[in-house]
Structures are given as structure tokens and as C-alpha cells.
Amino acid sequence: MTRTKLLALAAAPALALSLASPALAVEVTASSPDTVNSPVGSIAANQSKTVTVTCPAGTNAVSGGWKVSSASIDVTDNRAMSATQWQITFQNEAKTSGTVQVFARCVA
């Protein structure tokens, strides 16, 4: 399945939710005040890497996201690992290394 199709499939539920009730749509970015960021990490050429972010005590991970340095770095898994952790696995298809960062939205 191509990256475009995966992104379209991943975006469909969010689009449906935002159409149903714009008040429920919330943008989560790496700079949101209730967001925990992983350090920027290196990913070697033609390798995979898994990054996990843990929310502070008393909060739960409700969603997550990522930043990558190249369009050649794909997300192969994106999910909550527990009530307090968000985990994303990346695959670098490039012939050079790149960088990845994961963030989680944490709420009490």
C-alpha cells in the first residue's frame, strides 16, 4: 500500500469526526502545552527505529504524532502502548540517515 493511501486511510476517521462536530476537532502539535516530546533521534539508512514517549504522572496519552527529516522515512506503527505511553515505529527507505521525533498529547 502506498504512503498516500496509508495517509488517506489514517486521515479518514479524523476528517469524519471534524465534519460531524467541528467543536471536537483539536489540532495537536509538538508545541501544544499538554504535549510531551521525545528527543530528536537519528535513524540510519535502510533501518527501522521505534520511539516511545511517556506522559507525566497523573496524565494519559490520548494521541500522538511525529516529525521526520525526509519523505523517505515512513511510519509503520503508530499507537498507544499503555495508558501513559505513545509509540511510533519508523522505516527509513533512504540511502542516507535522517531524524525522527515523537510527541504525545497527555491529559489528566
N, C-alpha and C. Protein backbone atom coordinates (compact mmCIF):
# COMPACT_ATOMS: atom_id res chain seq x y z
N MET A 1 0.85 -1.16 0.00
CA MET A 1 0.00 0.00 0.00
C MET A 1 0.90 1.23 0.00
N THR A 2 0.60 2.19 -0.85
CA THR A 2 1.46 3.36 -0.93
C THR A 2 1.26 4.28 0.25
N ARG A 3 2.24 5.15 0.46
CA ARG A 3 2.18 6.10 1.58
C ARG A 3 0.95 6.99 1.48
N THR A 4 0.61 7.44 0.26
CA THR A 4 -0.56 8.29 0.08
C THR A 4 -1.82 7.59 0.53
N LYS A 5 -1.96 6.32 0.17
CA LYS A 5 -3.14 5.57 0.58
C LYS A 5 -3.18 5.40 2.09
N LEU A 6 -2.02 5.13 2.69
CA LEU A 6 -1.98 4.98 4.15
C LEU A 6 -2.37 6.27 4.84
N LEU A 7 -1.86 7.40 4.34
CA LEU A 7 -2.20 8.68 4.94
C LEU A 7 -3.68 8.98 4.77
N ALA A 8 -4.23 8.65 3.61
CA ALA A 8 -5.65 8.87 3.38
C ALA A 8 -6.50 8.01 4.31
N LEU A 9 -6.11 6.76 4.49
CA LEU A 9 -6.85 5.88 5.40
C LEU A 9 -6.74 6.36 6.84
N ALA A 10 -5.57 6.83 7.22
CA ALA A 10 -5.38 7.31 8.59
C ALA A 10 -6.14 8.61 8.84
N ALA A 11 -6.29 9.43 7.82
CA ALA A 11 -6.95 10.72 7.98
C ALA A 11 -8.47 10.62 7.91
N ALA A 12 -9.01 9.57 7.33
CA ALA A 12 -10.45 9.45 7.15
C ALA A 12 -11.24 9.56 8.45
N PRO A 13 -10.89 8.83 9.52
CA PRO A 13 -11.67 8.97 10.76
C PRO A 13 -11.60 10.38 11.34
N ALA A 14 -10.45 11.02 11.27
CA ALA A 14 -10.32 12.38 11.79
C ALA A 14 -11.17 13.35 10.98
N LEU A 15 -11.19 13.17 9.67
CA LEU A 15 -12.00 14.01 8.81
C LEU A 15 -13.47 13.82 9.12
N ALA A 16 -13.91 12.58 9.28
CA ALA A 16 -15.31 12.31 9.60
C ALA A 16 -15.69 12.95 10.92
N LEU A 17 -14.83 12.86 11.91
CA LEU A 17 -15.11 13.44 13.21
C LEU A 17 -15.19 14.96 13.12
N SER A 18 -14.29 15.57 12.37
CA SER A 18 -14.31 17.03 12.27
C SER A 18 -15.53 17.52 11.49
N LEU A 19 -16.00 16.75 10.52
CA LEU A 19 -17.21 17.12 9.80
C LEU A 19 -18.44 16.97 10.67
N ALA A 20 -18.44 15.96 11.53
CA ALA A 20 -19.59 15.71 12.38
C ALA A 20 -19.72 16.79 13.45
N SER A 21 -18.62 17.25 14.00
CA SER A 21 -18.67 18.25 15.07
C SER A 21 -17.35 19.02 15.12
N PRO A 22 -17.31 20.19 14.49
CA PRO A 22 -16.08 20.96 14.49
C PRO A 22 -15.56 21.27 15.90
N ALA A 23 -16.44 21.32 16.88
CA ALA A 23 -16.01 21.61 18.25
C ALA A 23 -15.15 20.49 18.82
N LEU A 24 -15.26 19.27 18.28
CA LEU A 24 -14.49 18.14 18.77
C LEU A 24 -13.11 18.04 18.14
N ALA A 25 -12.90 18.75 17.05
CA ALA A 25 -11.62 18.67 16.36
C ALA A 25 -10.58 19.50 17.10
N VAL A 26 -9.46 18.87 17.46
CA VAL A 26 -8.38 19.55 18.18
C VAL A 26 -7.08 19.27 17.47
N GLU A 27 -6.36 20.32 17.13
CA GLU A 27 -5.06 20.14 16.49
C GLU A 27 -4.01 19.89 17.56
N VAL A 28 -3.25 18.84 17.39
CA VAL A 28 -2.17 18.51 18.32
C VAL A 28 -0.86 18.73 17.60
N THR A 29 -0.03 19.58 18.14
CA THR A 29 1.28 19.83 17.55
C THR A 29 2.36 19.62 18.60
N ALA A 30 3.58 19.58 18.15
CA ALA A 30 4.70 19.35 19.07
C ALA A 30 4.88 20.50 20.06
N SER A 31 4.22 21.64 19.82
CA SER A 31 4.38 22.77 20.74
C SER A 31 3.15 22.99 21.62
N SER A 32 2.14 22.11 21.56
CA SER A 32 0.98 22.24 22.43
C SER A 32 1.41 22.13 23.88
N PRO A 33 0.76 22.89 24.81
CA PRO A 33 1.21 22.87 26.20
C PRO A 33 1.07 21.53 26.90
N ASP A 34 0.18 20.69 26.44
CA ASP A 34 -0.02 19.37 27.06
C ASP A 34 0.64 18.26 26.25
N THR A 35 1.70 18.60 25.54
CA THR A 35 2.39 17.65 24.69
C THR A 35 3.78 17.34 25.23
N VAL A 36 4.13 16.06 25.21
CA VAL A 36 5.46 15.61 25.63
C VAL A 36 6.23 15.21 24.37
N ASN A 37 7.43 15.73 24.21
CA ASN A 37 8.25 15.44 23.03
C ASN A 37 9.39 14.49 23.37
N SER A 38 9.68 13.59 22.44
CA SER A 38 10.90 12.80 22.57
C SER A 38 12.06 13.66 22.10
N PRO A 39 13.28 13.31 22.46
CA PRO A 39 14.42 13.98 21.84
C PRO A 39 14.43 13.66 20.33
N VAL A 40 15.02 14.53 19.54
CA VAL A 40 15.20 14.23 18.12
C VAL A 40 16.23 13.12 18.04
N GLY A 41 15.87 12.04 17.34
CA GLY A 41 16.77 10.89 17.25
C GLY A 41 17.19 10.61 15.82
N SER A 42 18.30 9.96 15.67
CA SER A 42 18.83 9.59 14.36
C SER A 42 18.28 8.24 13.95
N ILE A 43 18.02 8.08 12.65
CA ILE A 43 17.62 6.79 12.09
C ILE A 43 18.55 6.51 10.91
N ALA A 44 19.21 5.38 10.96
CA ALA A 44 20.18 5.02 9.92
C ALA A 44 19.49 4.69 8.60
N ALA A 45 20.25 4.75 7.53
CA ALA A 45 19.73 4.40 6.20
C ALA A 45 19.24 2.96 6.20
N ASN A 46 18.11 2.73 5.55
CA ASN A 46 17.53 1.39 5.38
C ASN A 46 17.32 0.65 6.69
N GLN A 47 16.99 1.37 7.76
CA GLN A 47 16.77 0.76 9.07
C GLN A 47 15.42 1.20 9.62
N SER A 48 14.96 0.47 10.64
CA SER A 48 13.76 0.88 11.36
C SER A 48 14.15 1.35 12.76
N LYS A 49 13.28 2.14 13.36
CA LYS A 49 13.52 2.65 14.70
C LYS A 49 12.17 2.85 15.38
N THR A 50 12.08 2.44 16.65
CA THR A 50 10.87 2.63 17.45
C THR A 50 11.17 3.63 18.55
N VAL A 51 10.27 4.61 18.70
CA VAL A 51 10.43 5.64 19.72
C VAL A 51 9.17 5.66 20.58
N THR A 52 9.35 5.68 21.90
CA THR A 52 8.23 5.71 22.84
C THR A 52 8.33 6.96 23.70
N VAL A 53 7.19 7.63 23.89
CA VAL A 53 7.10 8.82 24.74
C VAL A 53 6.19 8.48 25.92
N THR A 54 6.59 8.89 27.13
CA THR A 54 5.80 8.64 28.33
C THR A 54 5.27 9.95 28.89
N CYS A 55 3.97 9.98 29.17
CA CYS A 55 3.33 11.16 29.75
C CYS A 55 3.69 11.29 31.23
N PRO A 56 3.60 12.51 31.76
CA PRO A 56 3.87 12.71 33.19
C PRO A 56 2.87 11.96 34.07
N ALA A 57 3.26 11.72 35.31
CA ALA A 57 2.38 11.05 36.27
C ALA A 57 1.05 11.80 36.37
N GLY A 58 -0.04 11.04 36.42
CA GLY A 58 -1.36 11.63 36.54
C GLY A 58 -2.01 12.02 35.23
N THR A 59 -1.32 11.75 34.11
CA THR A 59 -1.90 12.05 32.79
C THR A 59 -1.87 10.80 31.92
N ASN A 60 -2.71 10.82 30.89
CA ASN A 60 -2.81 9.70 29.95
C ASN A 60 -2.50 10.17 28.54
N ALA A 61 -1.90 9.31 27.76
CA ALA A 61 -1.61 9.59 26.34
C ALA A 61 -2.89 9.34 25.54
N VAL A 62 -3.42 10.38 24.90
CA VAL A 62 -4.66 10.24 24.13
C VAL A 62 -4.43 10.28 22.63
N SER A 63 -3.28 10.79 22.20
CA SER A 63 -2.93 10.78 20.78
C SER A 63 -1.44 11.08 20.66
N GLY A 64 -0.96 10.97 19.44
CA GLY A 64 0.46 11.21 19.23
C GLY A 64 0.73 11.65 17.81
N GLY A 65 1.95 12.03 17.57
CA GLY A 65 2.35 12.46 16.24
C GLY A 65 3.85 12.38 16.09
N TRP A 66 4.35 12.87 14.97
CA TRP A 66 5.78 12.74 14.69
C TRP A 66 6.25 13.81 13.73
N LYS A 67 7.56 13.98 13.71
CA LYS A 67 8.26 14.80 12.73
C LYS A 67 9.38 13.95 12.16
N VAL A 68 9.59 14.05 10.85
CA VAL A 68 10.69 13.34 10.19
C VAL A 68 11.44 14.33 9.31
N SER A 69 12.69 14.03 9.05
CA SER A 69 13.52 14.93 8.25
C SER A 69 13.42 14.67 6.76
N SER A 70 12.76 13.58 6.38
CA SER A 70 12.72 13.20 4.97
C SER A 70 11.42 12.47 4.64
N ALA A 71 10.93 12.68 3.43
CA ALA A 71 9.75 11.96 2.97
C ALA A 71 10.04 10.47 2.78
N SER A 72 11.30 10.09 2.81
CA SER A 72 11.68 8.68 2.68
C SER A 72 11.56 7.91 3.99
N ILE A 73 11.21 8.60 5.07
CA ILE A 73 11.03 7.94 6.36
C ILE A 73 9.53 7.71 6.56
N ASP A 74 9.14 6.45 6.58
CA ASP A 74 7.74 6.08 6.71
C ASP A 74 7.40 5.69 8.15
N VAL A 75 6.14 5.88 8.52
CA VAL A 75 5.63 5.40 9.80
C VAL A 75 5.01 4.04 9.55
N THR A 76 5.48 3.02 10.26
CA THR A 76 4.95 1.67 10.08
C THR A 76 4.05 1.24 11.24
N ASP A 77 4.11 1.96 12.36
CA ASP A 77 3.24 1.67 13.51
C ASP A 77 3.09 2.95 14.32
N ASN A 78 1.88 3.24 14.77
CA ASN A 78 1.57 4.48 15.48
C ASN A 78 0.44 4.17 16.44
N ARG A 79 0.77 4.04 17.77
CA ARG A 79 -0.28 3.60 18.70
C ARG A 79 0.07 3.89 20.15
N ALA A 80 -0.97 3.80 20.98
CA ALA A 80 -0.77 3.86 22.42
C ALA A 80 -0.22 2.51 22.86
N MET A 81 0.84 2.54 23.64
CA MET A 81 1.42 1.30 24.18
C MET A 81 0.81 0.96 25.52
N SER A 82 0.35 1.98 26.23
CA SER A 82 -0.31 1.82 27.52
C SER A 82 -1.11 3.10 27.73
N ALA A 83 -1.72 3.24 28.88
CA ALA A 83 -2.49 4.45 29.16
C ALA A 83 -1.60 5.69 29.17
N THR A 84 -0.32 5.52 29.45
CA THR A 84 0.57 6.68 29.58
C THR A 84 1.66 6.78 28.52
N GLN A 85 1.70 5.84 27.56
CA GLN A 85 2.78 5.84 26.57
C GLN A 85 2.24 5.83 25.14
N TRP A 86 2.92 6.60 24.27
CA TRP A 86 2.63 6.59 22.84
C TRP A 86 3.89 6.13 22.11
N GLN A 87 3.72 5.23 21.13
CA GLN A 87 4.88 4.66 20.44
C GLN A 87 4.69 4.71 18.93
N ILE A 88 5.76 5.08 18.24
CA ILE A 88 5.75 5.12 16.78
C ILE A 88 7.00 4.41 16.27
N THR A 89 6.80 3.58 15.23
CA THR A 89 7.92 2.90 14.58
C THR A 89 8.09 3.50 13.18
N PHE A 90 9.32 3.78 12.84
CA PHE A 90 9.68 4.39 11.56
C PHE A 90 10.51 3.43 10.73
N GLN A 91 10.44 3.56 9.41
CA GLN A 91 11.29 2.82 8.49
C GLN A 91 11.93 3.84 7.55
N ASN A 92 13.25 3.88 7.53
CA ASN A 92 13.97 4.80 6.65
C ASN A 92 14.31 4.07 5.36
N GLU A 93 13.67 4.47 4.27
CA GLU A 93 13.89 3.85 2.96
C GLU A 93 15.02 4.53 2.19
N ALA A 94 15.59 5.57 2.75
CA ALA A 94 16.63 6.33 2.05
C ALA A 94 18.00 5.67 2.17
N LYS A 95 18.93 6.12 1.35
CA LYS A 95 20.31 5.63 1.40
C LYS A 95 21.17 6.47 2.35
N THR A 96 20.53 7.43 3.02
CA THR A 96 21.22 8.27 4.00
C THR A 96 20.43 8.27 5.31
N SER A 97 21.10 8.65 6.38
CA SER A 97 20.41 8.71 7.68
C SER A 97 19.49 9.92 7.73
N GLY A 98 18.59 9.90 8.70
CA GLY A 98 17.67 11.01 8.89
C GLY A 98 17.36 11.17 10.36
N THR A 99 16.38 12.03 10.67
CA THR A 99 16.00 12.24 12.07
C THR A 99 14.49 12.05 12.24
N VAL A 100 14.12 11.64 13.45
CA VAL A 100 12.71 11.44 13.80
C VAL A 100 12.47 12.01 15.20
N GLN A 101 11.23 12.41 15.44
CA GLN A 101 10.81 12.86 16.76
C GLN A 101 9.36 12.46 16.95
N VAL A 102 9.03 12.02 18.16
CA VAL A 102 7.67 11.60 18.51
C VAL A 102 7.14 12.53 19.59
N PHE A 103 5.84 12.81 19.54
CA PHE A 103 5.23 13.55 20.63
C PHE A 103 3.89 12.92 20.99
N ALA A 104 3.49 13.09 22.24
CA ALA A 104 2.23 12.55 22.73
C ALA A 104 1.42 13.66 23.38
N ARG A 105 0.12 13.64 23.15
CA ARG A 105 -0.78 14.56 23.85
C ARG A 105 -1.19 13.89 25.14
N CYS A 106 -0.96 14.55 26.26
CA CYS A 106 -1.22 13.98 27.58
C CYS A 106 -2.29 14.80 28.29
N VAL A 107 -3.32 14.12 28.80
CA VAL A 107 -4.40 14.80 29.51
C VAL A 107 -4.64 14.12 30.85
N ALA A 108 -5.11 14.92 31.81
CA ALA A 108 -5.40 14.39 33.15
C ALA A 108 -6.74 13.68 33.16
